Protein backbone atom coordinates (compact mmCIF):
# COMPACT_ATOMS: atom_id res chain seq x y z
CA MET A 1 10.17 119.22 63.75
CA SER A 2 13.50 117.75 63.86
CA ALA A 3 16.37 119.84 63.98
CA ARG A 4 18.92 120.11 61.01
CA LEU A 5 22.37 117.90 62.17
CA PRO A 6 25.63 120.16 60.86
CA ASN A 7 27.81 118.52 58.28
CA ILE A 8 30.61 117.49 60.40
CA ALA A 9 33.85 116.16 58.71
CA PRO A 10 35.01 112.73 59.79
CA ALA A 11 37.85 112.39 62.33
CA SER A 12 40.87 111.42 60.57
CA ALA A 13 44.76 111.04 61.92
CA GLN A 14 46.42 114.14 61.43
CA GLY A 15 49.56 113.05 63.67
CA PRO A 16 50.91 112.85 67.14
CA LEU A 17 48.32 113.76 69.76
CA LEU A 18 49.78 115.90 72.55
CA VAL A 19 48.79 115.72 76.08
CA ALA A 20 49.59 118.03 79.32
CA TRP A 21 49.99 115.57 82.29
CA HIS A 22 51.03 117.39 85.62
CA ILE A 23 54.12 114.63 86.51
CA GLU A 24 56.33 116.30 88.92
CA GLY A 25 57.61 113.87 91.61
CA ARG A 26 55.89 111.16 89.92
CA ARG A 27 57.56 107.71 88.29
CA ALA A 28 57.87 107.69 84.90
CA LEU A 29 58.87 104.39 83.15
CA VAL A 30 61.06 104.61 79.97
CA VAL A 31 61.49 101.22 77.81
CA GLY A 32 64.38 101.60 75.60
CA GLY A 33 67.79 103.62 75.67
CA GLY A 34 67.98 105.05 71.87
CA SER A 35 67.50 108.57 70.55
CA VAL A 36 63.88 108.95 71.19
CA SER A 37 63.95 107.69 74.30
CA THR A 38 66.45 110.23 75.38
CA ARG A 39 64.40 113.29 73.87
CA ARG A 40 61.53 111.64 75.92
CA VAL A 41 63.45 111.48 79.04
CA ARG A 42 64.57 114.90 78.74
CA ALA A 43 60.97 116.05 78.54
CA LEU A 44 60.12 113.90 81.56
CA LEU A 45 62.67 115.73 83.46
CA LEU A 46 61.77 119.13 82.39
CA ALA A 47 58.50 118.06 83.69
CA GLY A 48 60.12 116.89 87.13
CA ALA A 49 59.40 113.53 86.55
CA GLU A 50 61.15 110.60 88.38
CA VAL A 51 62.43 108.57 85.74
CA HIS A 52 63.49 105.06 85.50
CA VAL A 53 64.76 103.63 82.32
CA VAL A 54 64.74 99.93 81.26
CA ALA A 55 67.08 98.89 78.27
CA PRO A 56 69.58 96.59 77.28
CA ARG A 57 71.76 99.53 75.90
CA LEU A 58 71.66 103.41 76.83
CA SER A 59 72.72 106.40 74.54
CA ALA A 60 75.65 108.15 75.91
CA GLU A 61 73.32 110.93 77.25
CA LEU A 62 71.02 108.35 79.31
CA ARG A 63 74.35 106.89 80.59
CA GLY A 64 75.68 110.44 81.87
CA ARG A 65 72.38 111.31 83.09
CA GLN A 66 72.64 108.00 85.22
CA ALA A 67 76.27 108.74 86.25
CA ARG A 68 74.70 112.18 87.56
CA SER A 69 71.58 110.53 89.41
CA GLU A 70 69.69 112.16 87.50
CA ILE A 71 67.57 109.00 86.37
CA THR A 72 67.92 105.86 87.37
CA ALA A 73 68.42 102.74 84.91
CA GLU A 74 68.48 98.75 84.32
CA ALA A 75 70.40 97.19 81.41
CA ARG A 76 67.84 94.27 80.21
CA ARG A 77 64.67 93.95 78.59
CA TRP A 78 61.59 94.82 79.98
CA SER A 79 59.41 93.06 81.54
CA VAL A 80 55.42 93.60 82.37
CA GLU A 81 56.51 93.69 86.19
CA ASP A 82 58.53 96.73 85.41
CA LEU A 83 54.94 98.47 85.49
CA ALA A 84 54.27 97.83 88.75
CA SER A 85 57.56 96.90 91.03
CA PRO A 86 58.67 98.10 93.06
CA THR A 87 56.52 101.65 92.59
CA PRO A 88 53.82 101.86 90.08
CA SER A 89 54.72 103.75 86.96
CA TRP A 90 52.28 106.95 86.57
CA CYS A 91 53.19 106.87 83.16
CA SER A 92 55.12 104.56 80.60
CA TRP A 93 56.81 104.77 77.41
CA ARG A 94 57.97 102.15 74.81
CA SER A 95 60.37 103.85 72.70
CA THR A 96 61.44 100.67 70.94
CA ILE A 97 60.85 98.59 68.10
CA ARG A 98 61.16 95.19 70.21
CA PRO A 99 59.27 94.26 72.89
């Protein structure tokens, strides 16, 4: 005798997936310096991450945070080496449409 399986709706995209990470004291790399990156940086700082931003241009807020030593930043395009150097990033965000 076989058991009947319930009807299960197919999975579908419903919007963003929220993920909870414990990143206090860990390095987070954010690629991009615009409005999306700025929001991501705020959230990472609230979570206690050590934030490093790589972008050709930074928003005014990110420049201010860098001036106050809340984040570190480099004004350049990112490269794959950023993921490992000098300290591996625990999480990385790409908040730009250009690679």
